N, C-alpha and C. Protein backbone atom coordinates (compact mmCIF):
# COMPACT_ATOMS: atom_id res chain seq x y z
N MET A 1 18.44 -8.38 4.37
CA MET A 1 17.51 -8.91 3.32
C MET A 1 16.15 -7.90 4.36
N TYR A 2 15.55 -7.74 3.13
CA TYR A 2 14.09 -6.38 3.17
C TYR A 2 12.74 -7.90 2.45
N SER A 3 11.93 -7.32 2.76
CA SER A 3 10.56 -7.76 2.35
C SER A 3 9.61 -6.61 1.81
N VAL A 4 8.99 -6.98 0.76
CA VAL A 4 8.06 -5.28 1.03
C VAL A 4 6.74 -6.14 0.63
N VAL A 5 5.67 -5.51 0.96
CA VAL A 5 4.19 -5.55 0.58
C VAL A 5 3.63 -4.31 -0.42
N ILE A 6 2.97 -5.58 -1.14
CA ILE A 6 2.60 -4.48 -2.38
C ILE A 6 1.16 -4.52 -2.81
N LEU A 7 0.21 -3.26 -2.70
CA LEU A 7 -1.32 -3.48 -2.52
C LEU A 7 -1.55 -3.06 -3.52
N ALA A 8 -2.64 -4.29 -3.81
CA ALA A 8 -2.96 -4.62 -5.17
C ALA A 8 -4.69 -4.48 -5.32
N ALA A 9 -5.19 -4.05 -4.61
CA ALA A 9 -6.70 -4.17 -4.24
C ALA A 9 -7.45 -2.49 -5.03
N GLY A 10 -6.71 -1.89 -5.99
CA GLY A 10 -7.40 -0.65 -6.20
C GLY A 10 -8.74 -0.65 -6.96
N LYS A 11 -9.31 0.11 -7.02
CA LYS A 11 -10.91 -0.21 -8.11
C LYS A 11 -10.77 0.79 -9.34
N GLY A 12 -9.91 2.37 -8.96
CA GLY A 12 -9.90 2.76 -10.63
C GLY A 12 -11.11 3.91 -10.74
N THR A 13 -11.98 3.76 -9.71
CA THR A 13 -13.23 4.62 -9.65
C THR A 13 -13.30 5.74 -10.49
N ARG A 14 -12.40 6.72 -9.37
CA ARG A 14 -11.95 7.96 -10.55
C ARG A 14 -11.61 8.16 -11.49
N LEU A 15 -11.15 6.78 -12.15
CA LEU A 15 -10.49 6.93 -13.55
C LEU A 15 -11.84 6.20 -14.68
N ASN A 16 -12.72 6.16 -14.25
CA ASN A 16 -13.87 4.74 -14.86
C ASN A 16 -13.69 3.92 -15.29
N LEU A 17 -12.48 3.06 -14.69
CA LEU A 17 -11.91 1.92 -15.75
C LEU A 17 -13.35 0.74 -16.07
N GLY A 18 -13.45 0.88 -14.45
CA GLY A 18 -14.90 -0.69 -14.58
C GLY A 18 -13.58 -1.53 -14.07
N TYR A 19 -12.10 -1.93 -13.74
CA TYR A 19 -11.41 -2.71 -13.44
C TYR A 19 -10.55 -1.95 -12.42
N ASN A 20 -9.85 -3.34 -11.86
CA ASN A 20 -9.05 -2.95 -11.03
C ASN A 20 -7.46 -1.67 -11.89
N LYS A 21 -7.25 -0.64 -10.88
CA LYS A 21 -6.59 0.27 -11.80
C LYS A 21 -4.73 -0.46 -12.22
N VAL A 22 -4.48 -1.42 -10.93
CA VAL A 22 -3.46 -1.74 -11.16
C VAL A 22 -3.30 -2.91 -12.41
N PHE A 23 -4.12 -3.32 -12.83
CA PHE A 23 -4.54 -3.97 -14.31
C PHE A 23 -3.99 -3.38 -15.44
N TYR A 24 -4.11 -1.46 -15.54
CA TYR A 24 -3.95 -0.78 -16.49
C TYR A 24 -2.91 -0.88 -17.31
N GLU A 25 -2.67 -1.32 -18.56
CA GLU A 25 -0.95 -1.57 -19.32
C GLU A 25 -0.68 -0.15 -19.84
N ILE A 26 0.37 0.24 -19.56
CA ILE A 26 1.62 1.18 -20.18
C ILE A 26 2.86 0.17 -20.90
N LYS A 27 2.45 1.01 -22.27
CA LYS A 27 3.73 0.04 -22.97
C LYS A 27 3.48 -1.76 -22.74
N GLN A 28 2.31 -2.11 -23.26
CA GLN A 28 1.91 -3.32 -22.83
C GLN A 28 2.81 -4.39 -21.70
N LYS A 29 2.36 -3.32 -20.56
CA LYS A 29 2.85 -3.77 -19.28
C LYS A 29 1.90 -2.98 -18.05
N ALA A 30 1.32 -3.78 -17.17
CA ALA A 30 -0.03 -3.76 -16.43
C ALA A 30 1.07 -2.79 -15.15
N ILE A 31 0.19 -2.07 -14.54
CA ILE A 31 0.86 -0.96 -13.41
C ILE A 31 1.81 -1.46 -12.55
N LEU A 32 1.14 -2.69 -12.11
CA LEU A 32 1.61 -3.49 -10.87
C LEU A 32 2.68 -4.40 -11.17
N GLU A 33 2.97 -4.29 -12.62
CA GLU A 33 4.18 -5.30 -13.26
C GLU A 33 5.43 -4.44 -12.60
N TYR A 34 5.35 -3.00 -12.71
CA TYR A 34 6.12 -2.16 -12.93
C TYR A 34 6.53 -2.01 -11.51
N SER A 35 6.06 -2.32 -10.39
CA SER A 35 6.68 -2.42 -8.89
C SER A 35 7.26 -3.59 -8.75
N VAL A 36 6.31 -4.61 -9.04
CA VAL A 36 7.12 -6.30 -8.77
C VAL A 36 7.72 -6.60 -9.44
N ASP A 37 8.08 -5.71 -10.45
CA ASP A 37 9.26 -6.18 -11.22
C ASP A 37 10.59 -5.41 -10.69
N TYR A 38 10.66 -4.12 -10.35
CA TYR A 38 11.48 -3.41 -9.55
C TYR A 38 12.34 -4.02 -8.45
N PHE A 39 11.01 -4.87 -7.25
CA PHE A 39 11.44 -5.41 -6.05
C PHE A 39 12.07 -6.93 -6.65
N LEU A 40 11.90 -7.56 -7.43
CA LEU A 40 12.66 -8.84 -7.75
C LEU A 40 13.87 -8.27 -8.38
N LYS A 41 14.22 -7.32 -9.13
CA LYS A 41 15.57 -7.30 -9.86
C LYS A 41 17.06 -6.71 -8.87
N ASP A 42 15.82 -6.22 -7.65
CA ASP A 42 16.98 -6.10 -6.44
C ASP A 42 17.37 -6.81 -5.34
N ALA A 43 18.03 -7.51 -5.60
CA ALA A 43 18.29 -9.17 -4.77
C ALA A 43 18.47 -8.96 -3.15
N SER A 44 18.56 -7.30 -2.58
CA SER A 44 18.33 -7.33 -1.34
C SER A 44 16.92 -7.63 -0.63
N PHE A 45 16.00 -7.71 -1.70
CA PHE A 45 14.07 -8.26 -1.25
C PHE A 45 14.19 -9.42 -1.74
N SER A 46 14.21 -10.08 -0.83
CA SER A 46 13.81 -11.53 -0.69
C SER A 46 12.42 -12.19 -0.90
N GLU A 47 11.95 -11.45 -0.18
CA GLU A 47 10.27 -11.41 -0.05
C GLU A 47 9.49 -10.40 -0.66
N ILE A 48 8.48 -11.23 -1.55
CA ILE A 48 7.43 -9.71 -2.16
C ILE A 48 6.23 -10.33 -2.23
N ILE A 49 5.37 -9.83 -1.23
CA ILE A 49 4.19 -10.08 -0.75
C ILE A 49 2.87 -9.63 -1.53
N VAL A 50 2.24 -9.89 -2.73
CA VAL A 50 1.27 -9.01 -3.12
C VAL A 50 0.08 -9.37 -2.71
N VAL A 51 -0.64 -8.29 -2.24
CA VAL A 51 -1.91 -8.39 -1.48
C VAL A 51 -3.37 -7.88 -2.40
N THR A 52 -4.47 -8.60 -3.09
CA THR A 52 -5.43 -8.64 -3.22
C THR A 52 -6.46 -8.80 -2.62
N ASN A 53 -7.60 -8.59 -3.47
CA ASN A 53 -8.84 -8.68 -3.14
C ASN A 53 -9.17 -10.65 -3.85
N GLU A 54 -10.48 -10.95 -3.22
CA GLU A 54 -11.02 -12.18 -4.05
C GLU A 54 -11.19 -11.58 -5.46
N LYS A 55 -12.00 -11.19 -5.60
CA LYS A 55 -12.26 -10.94 -7.02
C LYS A 55 -11.43 -10.61 -8.28
N ASP A 56 -10.26 -10.02 -7.96
CA ASP A 56 -9.10 -10.01 -8.62
C ASP A 56 -8.23 -11.46 -8.56
N LEU A 57 -7.91 -12.33 -7.91
CA LEU A 57 -7.10 -12.68 -7.33
C LEU A 57 -6.91 -13.58 -8.68
N SER A 58 -7.67 -14.41 -9.16
CA SER A 58 -7.29 -15.41 -10.65
C SER A 58 -6.98 -14.29 -11.28
N HIS A 59 -6.95 -13.32 -11.96
CA HIS A 59 -6.35 -12.32 -12.90
C HIS A 59 -5.08 -11.81 -12.09
N ILE A 60 -4.77 -11.36 -10.94
CA ILE A 60 -3.33 -11.54 -10.33
C ILE A 60 -2.60 -12.55 -10.49
N LYS A 61 -2.66 -13.89 -9.76
CA LYS A 61 -2.42 -15.05 -10.12
C LYS A 61 -2.09 -15.35 -11.77
N GLU A 62 -2.42 -14.85 -12.85
CA GLU A 62 -2.44 -15.43 -14.37
C GLU A 62 -1.37 -14.16 -14.75
N LEU A 63 -1.73 -13.07 -13.88
CA LEU A 63 -0.77 -11.51 -14.27
C LEU A 63 0.67 -11.73 -14.03
N LEU A 64 1.40 -12.80 -12.53
CA LEU A 64 2.41 -12.50 -11.98
C LEU A 64 2.99 -13.87 -12.16
N ILE A 65 2.34 -14.73 -12.76
CA ILE A 65 2.74 -16.63 -12.97
C ILE A 65 4.07 -16.62 -13.52
N GLY A 66 4.92 -17.38 -12.90
CA GLY A 66 6.11 -17.51 -13.39
C GLY A 66 7.22 -16.27 -12.27
N LYS A 67 6.40 -15.37 -11.45
CA LYS A 67 7.37 -14.74 -11.03
C LYS A 67 7.49 -14.90 -9.21
N ASP A 68 8.67 -14.75 -8.80
CA ASP A 68 8.74 -15.08 -7.13
C ASP A 68 8.13 -14.21 -6.34
N VAL A 69 6.60 -14.16 -6.12
CA VAL A 69 5.94 -13.80 -5.22
C VAL A 69 4.95 -14.65 -4.66
N LYS A 70 4.54 -13.79 -3.47
CA LYS A 70 3.64 -14.69 -2.57
C LYS A 70 2.51 -13.82 -2.99
N ILE A 71 1.10 -14.27 -3.04
CA ILE A 71 -0.54 -13.23 -2.91
C ILE A 71 -0.96 -14.33 -1.85
N THR A 72 -1.44 -13.14 -1.49
CA THR A 72 -2.64 -13.20 -0.08
C THR A 72 -3.41 -12.22 -0.68
N LEU A 73 -4.38 -12.53 -0.46
CA LEU A 73 -5.72 -12.01 0.44
C LEU A 73 -5.86 -10.33 1.16
N GLY A 74 -6.48 -9.67 0.74
CA GLY A 74 -6.33 -8.56 1.68
C GLY A 74 -7.81 -8.48 2.45
N GLY A 75 -8.32 -7.70 2.90
CA GLY A 75 -9.29 -7.10 4.02
C GLY A 75 -10.34 -6.35 3.39
N ILE A 76 -11.42 -5.66 4.38
CA ILE A 76 -12.33 -5.18 3.99
C ILE A 76 -11.81 -3.32 3.50
N THR A 77 -10.83 -3.50 4.54
CA THR A 77 -10.48 -2.22 4.55
C THR A 77 -8.27 -2.52 3.95
N ARG A 78 -8.20 -1.02 3.35
CA ARG A 78 -6.90 -0.95 3.46
C ARG A 78 -5.83 -1.53 4.72
N GLN A 79 -6.41 -1.02 5.63
CA GLN A 79 -5.68 -1.40 7.07
C GLN A 79 -6.00 -2.98 7.22
N GLU A 80 -6.87 -3.37 6.60
CA GLU A 80 -6.65 -5.08 7.00
C GLU A 80 -5.90 -5.44 6.16
N SER A 81 -5.79 -5.23 4.86
CA SER A 81 -5.24 -5.60 3.67
C SER A 81 -3.86 -5.69 4.35
N VAL A 82 -2.93 -4.71 4.34
CA VAL A 82 -1.86 -4.67 4.85
C VAL A 82 -1.33 -5.47 6.04
N TYR A 83 -2.35 -5.76 7.01
CA TYR A 83 -2.14 -6.58 8.36
C TYR A 83 -2.24 -8.02 7.82
N ASN A 84 -2.71 -8.14 6.82
CA ASN A 84 -2.97 -9.33 6.61
C ASN A 84 -1.59 -10.21 5.70
N GLY A 85 -1.02 -8.99 4.49
CA GLY A 85 0.41 -8.73 4.27
C GLY A 85 1.50 -9.16 4.66
N LEU A 86 1.84 -8.08 6.32
CA LEU A 86 2.16 -8.24 7.27
C LEU A 86 2.73 -9.84 8.00
N LYS A 87 1.76 -9.99 8.30
CA LYS A 87 1.74 -11.73 8.85
C LYS A 87 2.44 -12.88 8.23
N LYS A 88 2.42 -12.71 6.57
CA LYS A 88 3.40 -13.44 5.77
C LYS A 88 4.57 -13.09 5.52
N ILE A 89 5.58 -11.65 6.48
CA ILE A 89 6.57 -11.34 6.52
C ILE A 89 8.04 -12.64 7.34
N ASN A 90 8.77 -12.52 6.93
CA ASN A 90 9.71 -13.56 7.57
C ASN A 90 10.95 -12.82 8.15
N ASN A 91 11.21 -11.69 7.21
CA ASN A 91 12.50 -10.49 7.40
C ASN A 91 12.56 -9.44 8.44
N LYS A 92 13.54 -8.98 8.69
CA LYS A 92 13.61 -7.94 9.74
C LYS A 92 13.57 -6.98 9.15
N TYR A 93 13.15 -6.43 8.31
CA TYR A 93 12.52 -4.91 8.01
C TYR A 93 11.85 -5.44 6.77
N VAL A 94 10.73 -3.94 6.29
CA VAL A 94 9.60 -4.41 5.79
C VAL A 94 9.10 -2.93 5.02
N MET A 95 8.96 -3.12 3.92
CA MET A 95 8.74 -1.49 3.04
C MET A 95 6.93 -1.87 2.55
N ILE A 96 6.14 -1.41 2.65
CA ILE A 96 4.51 -1.30 2.38
C ILE A 96 4.79 -0.57 1.15
N HIS A 97 4.39 -0.77 0.02
CA HIS A 97 4.24 -0.09 -1.33
C HIS A 97 2.70 -0.22 -2.14
N ASP A 98 2.15 1.25 -2.33
CA ASP A 98 0.99 0.85 -3.62
C ASP A 98 1.18 0.28 -4.62
N GLY A 99 0.48 -0.77 -4.98
CA GLY A 99 0.73 -1.11 -6.25
C GLY A 99 0.44 -0.04 -7.35
N ALA A 100 -0.38 0.67 -7.19
CA ALA A 100 -0.69 1.88 -8.09
C ALA A 100 0.43 2.95 -8.23
N ARG A 101 1.51 2.65 -7.57
CA ARG A 101 2.89 3.82 -7.83
C ARG A 101 3.72 3.05 -8.72
N PRO A 102 3.72 3.04 -9.99
CA PRO A 102 4.96 2.30 -10.61
C PRO A 102 6.01 2.66 -10.96
N PHE A 103 6.30 4.01 -10.59
CA PHE A 103 7.73 4.39 -10.96
C PHE A 103 8.33 4.67 -9.52
N ILE A 104 9.30 3.61 -9.51
CA ILE A 104 10.03 3.75 -8.55
C ILE A 104 11.41 4.19 -8.54
N ASP A 105 12.12 4.96 -7.85
CA ASP A 105 13.39 5.35 -8.14
C ASP A 105 14.30 4.81 -7.15
N LYS A 106 15.50 4.00 -7.92
CA LYS A 106 16.80 3.45 -7.08
C LYS A 106 17.29 3.97 -5.78
N ASN A 107 17.55 5.48 -5.79
CA ASN A 107 17.89 6.28 -4.69
C ASN A 107 17.32 6.10 -4.08
N ASP A 108 15.46 6.87 -4.20
CA ASP A 108 14.70 6.54 -2.85
C ASP A 108 14.58 5.30 -1.97
N ILE A 109 14.69 4.30 -2.83
CA ILE A 109 14.64 2.83 -1.83
C ILE A 109 16.14 2.36 -1.27
N GLU A 110 17.45 2.75 -1.79
CA GLU A 110 18.26 2.61 -0.84
C GLU A 110 18.64 4.08 0.06
N ASN A 111 17.58 5.10 -0.19
CA ASN A 111 17.76 5.66 2.04
C ASN A 111 17.06 5.24 2.20
N LEU A 112 15.42 4.26 2.55
CA LEU A 112 15.17 3.91 3.37
C LEU A 112 15.70 2.44 3.61
N LYS A 113 15.97 2.24 2.62
CA LYS A 113 17.01 0.85 3.03
C LYS A 113 17.99 0.95 4.47
N LYS A 114 18.73 2.43 4.51
CA LYS A 114 19.87 2.94 5.09
C LYS A 114 19.30 3.21 6.51
N SER A 115 17.90 4.42 5.79
CA SER A 115 17.51 4.62 7.16
C SER A 115 16.71 4.18 8.58
N VAL A 116 16.10 3.13 7.19
CA VAL A 116 15.06 2.13 8.47
C VAL A 116 15.89 0.73 9.86
N LYS A 117 17.48 0.74 9.32
CA LYS A 117 17.80 0.40 10.40
C LYS A 117 17.66 1.19 11.93
N ASP A 118 17.59 2.49 11.58
CA ASP A 118 17.76 3.43 12.56
C ASP A 118 15.86 3.94 13.19
N ASN A 119 15.28 3.87 12.60
CA ASN A 119 13.72 4.62 13.02
C ASN A 119 13.15 4.02 11.41
N ALA A 120 11.79 4.33 11.74
CA ALA A 120 10.75 4.46 10.76
C ALA A 120 11.27 5.24 9.85
N CYS A 121 10.44 4.71 8.59
CA CYS A 121 11.12 6.08 7.69
C CYS A 121 9.59 6.24 6.25
N VAL A 122 9.85 7.03 6.13
CA VAL A 122 8.23 7.19 4.63
C VAL A 122 9.00 8.42 3.76
N LEU A 123 8.92 8.41 2.73
CA LEU A 123 9.13 9.09 1.43
C LEU A 123 8.12 10.38 1.37
N ALA A 124 8.01 11.15 1.24
CA ALA A 124 7.75 12.55 0.93
C ALA A 124 8.12 13.65 -0.06
N LYS A 125 6.95 14.37 -0.61
CA LYS A 125 7.69 15.18 -1.26
C LYS A 125 6.97 16.66 -1.24
N LYS A 126 8.03 17.58 -1.12
CA LYS A 126 7.37 19.12 -0.89
C LYS A 126 6.40 19.87 -1.59
N LEU A 127 5.39 20.37 -0.85
CA LEU A 127 4.31 21.37 -1.71
C LEU A 127 4.98 22.21 -2.53
N LYS A 128 4.41 22.17 -3.65
CA LYS A 128 4.53 23.63 -4.39
C LYS A 128 3.88 25.07 -4.57
N ASP A 129 2.54 24.57 -3.97
CA ASP A 129 1.26 25.76 -4.06
C ASP A 129 1.00 25.83 -2.43
N SER A 130 0.45 27.21 -2.30
CA SER A 130 0.11 27.52 -1.27
C SER A 130 -1.08 27.05 -0.94
N ILE A 131 -0.97 26.70 0.23
CA ILE A 131 -2.33 25.79 0.51
C ILE A 131 -3.22 26.45 1.85
N ALA A 132 -4.50 26.64 1.69
CA ALA A 132 -5.33 26.90 2.68
C ALA A 132 -6.60 26.48 3.77
N LYS A 133 -7.37 26.95 4.06
CA LYS A 133 -7.98 26.29 4.90
C LYS A 133 -9.52 26.91 4.53
N HIS A 134 -10.72 26.26 4.20
CA HIS A 134 -11.78 26.63 3.87
C HIS A 134 -12.80 26.29 4.16
N SER A 135 -14.16 27.01 4.44
CA SER A 135 -15.61 26.77 4.72
C SER A 135 -16.53 27.13 3.73
N PHE A 136 -17.23 26.24 3.25
CA PHE A 136 -17.99 26.52 2.65
C PHE A 136 -17.52 27.16 1.37
N ASN A 137 -16.69 27.31 0.39
CA ASN A 137 -15.99 27.32 -0.49
C ASN A 137 -15.27 29.15 -0.24
N THR A 138 -15.02 29.60 0.69
CA THR A 138 -14.88 30.55 1.48
C THR A 138 -13.58 30.78 1.74
N LEU A 139 -11.86 31.26 1.84
CA LEU A 139 -11.09 30.99 2.49
C LEU A 139 -11.18 31.29 3.85
N VAL A 140 -10.86 30.42 5.11
CA VAL A 140 -10.97 30.58 6.31
C VAL A 140 -9.20 31.48 6.56
N CYS A 141 -8.63 30.66 5.91
CA CYS A 141 -6.79 31.12 6.83
C CYS A 141 -6.12 30.24 5.79
N TYR A 142 -4.62 30.68 5.78
CA TYR A 142 -3.76 29.79 4.74
C TYR A 142 -2.60 29.44 6.08
N ALA A 143 -2.23 27.98 5.66
CA ALA A 143 -1.09 27.25 6.21
C ALA A 143 0.20 27.56 5.52
N ASN A 144 1.17 26.93 6.26
CA ASN A 144 2.61 27.35 6.16
C ASN A 144 2.54 25.99 5.42
N ARG A 145 3.15 26.32 3.86
CA ARG A 145 3.15 25.04 3.09
C ARG A 145 4.69 24.42 3.43
N GLU A 146 5.56 25.34 4.33
CA GLU A 146 7.16 24.61 4.92
C GLU A 146 6.79 23.80 5.71
N ASN A 147 5.56 23.66 6.65
CA ASN A 147 5.13 22.45 7.69
C ASN A 147 4.35 21.00 7.34
N TYR A 148 4.21 21.30 5.48
CA TYR A 148 3.33 20.29 5.49
C TYR A 148 4.10 19.63 4.31
N VAL A 149 3.98 18.11 3.88
CA VAL A 149 4.59 17.52 2.51
C VAL A 149 3.20 16.48 2.10
N LEU A 150 4.04 16.01 1.31
CA LEU A 150 3.02 15.04 0.70
C LEU A 150 3.57 13.63 0.76
N LEU A 151 3.07 12.62 1.01
CA LEU A 151 3.70 11.37 1.77
C LEU A 151 3.04 10.12 0.85
N GLN A 152 4.38 9.65 -0.31
CA GLN A 152 4.58 8.33 -0.42
C GLN A 152 4.51 7.33 -0.01
N THR A 153 4.89 6.22 -0.87
CA THR A 153 4.98 4.54 -0.50
C THR A 153 6.49 4.44 -1.58
N PRO A 154 7.54 3.69 -0.63
CA PRO A 154 7.31 2.53 0.24
C PRO A 154 7.34 2.91 1.83
N GLN A 155 6.76 3.05 2.39
CA GLN A 155 7.24 3.26 3.63
C GLN A 155 7.54 2.16 4.44
N ALA A 156 9.12 2.35 5.33
CA ALA A 156 9.58 0.92 5.36
C ALA A 156 9.47 1.37 7.12
N PHE A 157 9.43 0.04 7.82
CA PHE A 157 9.41 -0.33 9.27
C PHE A 157 10.27 -1.68 9.48
N THR A 158 10.78 -1.55 10.69
CA THR A 158 11.32 -2.61 11.41
C THR A 158 9.74 -3.38 11.40
N THR A 159 9.61 -5.21 10.94
CA THR A 159 8.76 -5.98 10.96
C THR A 159 8.20 -5.70 12.14
N ASP A 160 8.81 -6.87 13.01
CA ASP A 160 8.03 -6.94 14.47
C ASP A 160 7.41 -5.53 15.31
N LYS A 161 7.98 -4.27 14.80
CA LYS A 161 7.34 -3.21 15.21
C LYS A 161 5.65 -2.84 14.43
N ILE A 162 6.44 -2.81 13.14
CA ILE A 162 4.78 -2.57 12.15
C ILE A 162 3.95 -3.54 12.49
N LEU A 163 4.10 -4.52 13.04
CA LEU A 163 2.93 -6.09 13.02
C LEU A 163 2.85 -5.65 14.45
N LYS A 164 3.61 -5.02 15.50
CA LYS A 164 2.85 -4.63 16.87
C LYS A 164 2.10 -3.47 16.77
N ALA A 165 2.07 -2.27 16.09
CA ALA A 165 1.70 -1.01 15.77
C ALA A 165 -0.06 -1.48 15.43
N TYR A 166 0.03 -2.47 14.02
CA TYR A 166 -1.35 -2.65 13.77
C TYR A 166 -2.04 -3.56 14.65
N GLU A 167 -1.34 -4.48 15.62
CA GLU A 167 -2.45 -5.40 16.48
C GLU A 167 -2.80 -4.10 17.59
N LEU A 168 -2.11 -3.35 18.09
CA LEU A 168 -2.50 -2.14 18.93
C LEU A 168 -3.55 -1.37 18.48
N ALA A 169 -3.74 -1.11 16.99
CA ALA A 169 -4.85 -0.13 16.17
C ALA A 169 -6.02 -1.15 16.28
N MET A 170 -5.84 -2.29 15.86
CA MET A 170 -6.87 -2.92 16.05
C MET A 170 -7.83 -3.74 17.57
N SER A 171 -6.77 -3.69 18.60
CA SER A 171 -7.36 -3.85 19.74
C SER A 171 -8.10 -2.48 19.82
N ASN A 172 -7.65 -1.59 19.53
CA ASN A 172 -8.04 -0.29 20.22
C ASN A 172 -8.98 0.07 18.95
N LYS A 173 -9.07 -0.20 18.39
CA LYS A 173 -10.57 0.38 16.97
C LYS A 173 -10.14 0.95 16.58
N ASN A 174 -8.82 1.93 15.96
CA ASN A 174 -7.94 2.87 15.79
C ASN A 174 -8.26 2.32 14.01
N THR A 175 -8.31 3.55 13.10
CA THR A 175 -8.12 3.58 11.56
C THR A 175 -7.13 4.76 11.27
N TYR A 176 -6.37 4.28 10.69
CA TYR A 176 -5.58 5.26 9.56
C TYR A 176 -5.82 5.19 8.09
N SER A 177 -5.19 6.12 7.90
CA SER A 177 -5.31 6.24 5.99
C SER A 177 -3.86 5.82 5.68
N ASP A 178 -2.84 5.97 6.46
CA ASP A 178 -1.63 5.07 6.19
C ASP A 178 -0.54 4.58 7.22
N ASP A 179 0.49 3.60 6.71
CA ASP A 179 1.33 3.34 7.65
C ASP A 179 1.91 4.08 8.61
N ALA A 180 2.43 4.66 8.31
CA ALA A 180 3.45 5.63 8.59
C ALA A 180 2.56 6.54 10.13
N SER A 181 1.70 6.98 9.87
CA SER A 181 0.86 7.78 10.73
C SER A 181 -0.26 6.50 11.78
N LEU A 182 -0.44 5.33 11.44
CA LEU A 182 -0.90 4.12 12.63
C LEU A 182 0.53 4.22 13.29
N TYR A 183 1.79 3.65 12.86
CA TYR A 183 3.03 3.41 13.59
C TYR A 183 3.34 4.64 14.54
N MET A 184 2.98 5.90 14.37
CA MET A 184 3.32 6.86 14.52
C MET A 184 2.43 6.87 16.03
N GLN A 185 1.13 7.19 15.79
CA GLN A 185 0.03 6.91 16.99
C GLN A 185 0.18 5.65 18.27
N GLU A 186 -0.04 4.44 17.83
CA GLU A 186 0.21 2.85 17.90
C GLU A 186 0.77 2.49 19.08
N LEU A 187 2.44 3.48 17.98
CA LEU A 187 3.59 2.92 19.30
C LEU A 187 4.31 4.39 19.64
N ASN A 188 3.87 5.46 19.41
CA ASN A 188 4.71 6.72 20.21
C ASN A 188 6.26 6.76 19.88
N GLU A 189 6.30 6.53 18.79
CA GLU A 189 7.53 6.44 18.25
C GLU A 189 8.06 7.33 16.64
N ASP A 190 8.89 7.90 16.45
CA ASP A 190 9.27 8.88 15.27
C ASP A 190 9.06 8.17 14.45
N VAL A 191 8.31 8.53 12.94
CA VAL A 191 8.75 7.97 11.79
C VAL A 191 9.61 9.37 11.00
N ILE A 192 10.62 9.33 10.21
CA ILE A 192 11.74 10.28 9.59
C ILE A 192 11.39 10.31 8.56
N ILE A 193 11.16 11.39 7.75
CA ILE A 193 10.88 12.06 6.56
C ILE A 193 11.89 11.84 5.84
N LEU A 194 11.75 11.15 4.35
CA LEU A 194 12.97 11.29 3.26
C LEU A 194 12.41 11.68 2.24
N GLU A 195 13.23 13.18 1.33
CA GLU A 195 12.35 13.43 0.47
C GLU A 195 12.75 12.43 -0.71
N GLY A 196 11.27 12.34 -1.95
CA GLY A 196 11.45 11.19 -2.60
C GLY A 196 11.24 12.19 -4.06
N ASN A 197 11.04 11.08 -4.32
CA ASN A 197 10.95 11.79 -6.28
C ASN A 197 9.60 12.00 -6.67
N GLU A 198 9.43 13.48 -7.23
CA GLU A 198 8.32 14.26 -7.73
C GLU A 198 7.53 12.89 -8.43
N LEU A 199 8.27 12.17 -9.60
CA LEU A 199 7.57 11.47 -10.04
C LEU A 199 7.06 9.91 -9.81
N ASN A 200 7.02 9.97 -8.32
CA ASN A 200 6.66 8.76 -7.45
C ASN A 200 4.88 9.08 -7.51
N ILE A 201 4.40 9.16 -8.57
CA ILE A 201 2.79 9.41 -8.67
C ILE A 201 2.10 8.39 -8.16
N LYS A 202 0.91 8.07 -7.30
CA LYS A 202 -0.03 7.25 -7.62
C LYS A 202 -1.20 7.18 -8.48
N LEU A 203 -1.66 6.24 -9.43
CA LEU A 203 -2.50 6.46 -10.42
C LEU A 203 -3.83 6.68 -9.74
N THR A 204 -4.29 8.02 -10.14
CA THR A 204 -5.32 8.06 -8.82
C THR A 204 -6.63 8.67 -10.53
N THR A 205 -5.67 9.90 -11.01
CA THR A 205 -6.61 10.34 -12.05
C THR A 205 -5.76 10.23 -13.49
N GLU A 206 -6.87 11.28 -14.67
CA GLU A 206 -6.53 11.10 -15.62
C GLU A 206 -5.15 11.63 -16.17
N LEU A 207 -5.32 12.51 -15.21
CA LEU A 207 -3.42 13.45 -15.22
C LEU A 207 -2.54 12.50 -15.04
N ASP A 208 -2.83 11.63 -14.04
CA ASP A 208 -1.50 11.02 -13.50
C ASP A 208 -1.38 9.85 -14.65
N LEU A 209 -2.01 9.53 -15.16
CA LEU A 209 -2.15 8.62 -16.51
C LEU A 209 -1.69 9.13 -17.48
N LYS A 210 -1.74 10.52 -17.42
CA LYS A 210 -1.22 10.80 -18.80
C LYS A 210 0.69 11.30 -18.18
N ILE A 211 0.99 11.44 -16.78
CA ILE A 211 2.63 11.57 -16.65
C ILE A 211 2.42 10.07 -16.57
N LEU A 212 2.23 9.13 -16.12
CA LEU A 212 2.86 7.98 -16.40
C LEU A 212 3.27 7.42 -17.54
N GLU A 213 2.29 7.49 -18.53
CA GLU A 213 2.33 6.92 -19.99
C GLU A 213 3.79 8.12 -20.64
N ALA A 214 4.06 9.20 -20.22
CA ALA A 214 5.24 9.94 -20.60
C ALA A 214 6.08 9.56 -19.93
N ILE A 215 6.70 9.20 -18.82
CA ILE A 215 7.28 8.83 -17.79
C ILE A 215 8.12 7.27 -17.68
N LEU A 216 7.21 6.05 -18.00
CA LEU A 216 7.43 5.13 -17.64
C LEU A 216 8.22 4.38 -19.06
């Protein structure tokens, strides 16, 4: 069986919403509900942990009333929030997912389920555009886009290993922007890349919002 930690403490600053973006509704359904409902329907996930902040706690409880999920408070940073969620996990394998990514592809999840039994793994998509380094708005050099990917969530791990990695990061006072990089650096272990669906978009900008409104 699998568990999933869903992070739901986003602010929606760049969207100028004035509230947590996971509450934004598309087709009378909050962004967060799309992820929660997906994992509720997948019988192989016996544990769903939603991590939120104190300000949004009552709203989250009201939104998810009647759904078989655990709700817990996060920390000041994303890293602290993930760790709080991981401490609630009882299953051998866990996926960590951003609640602001409502479009979940079944094939992606099935690939993660299979691959995590051998290695930690992360969804990613290839770059289409050229990328370059710049300094003060002047091009410095180009990078080979074949060497880079854009990371997505869910990211999948063996629970005891990702917990150990988080404990090491806290002990070493290291901070990371995502779970795979933390795992890789703290445990010195490989993380396998699986190609994810291009529509697995994290709601950040107005363009993201328009795309999600069209596909959900």
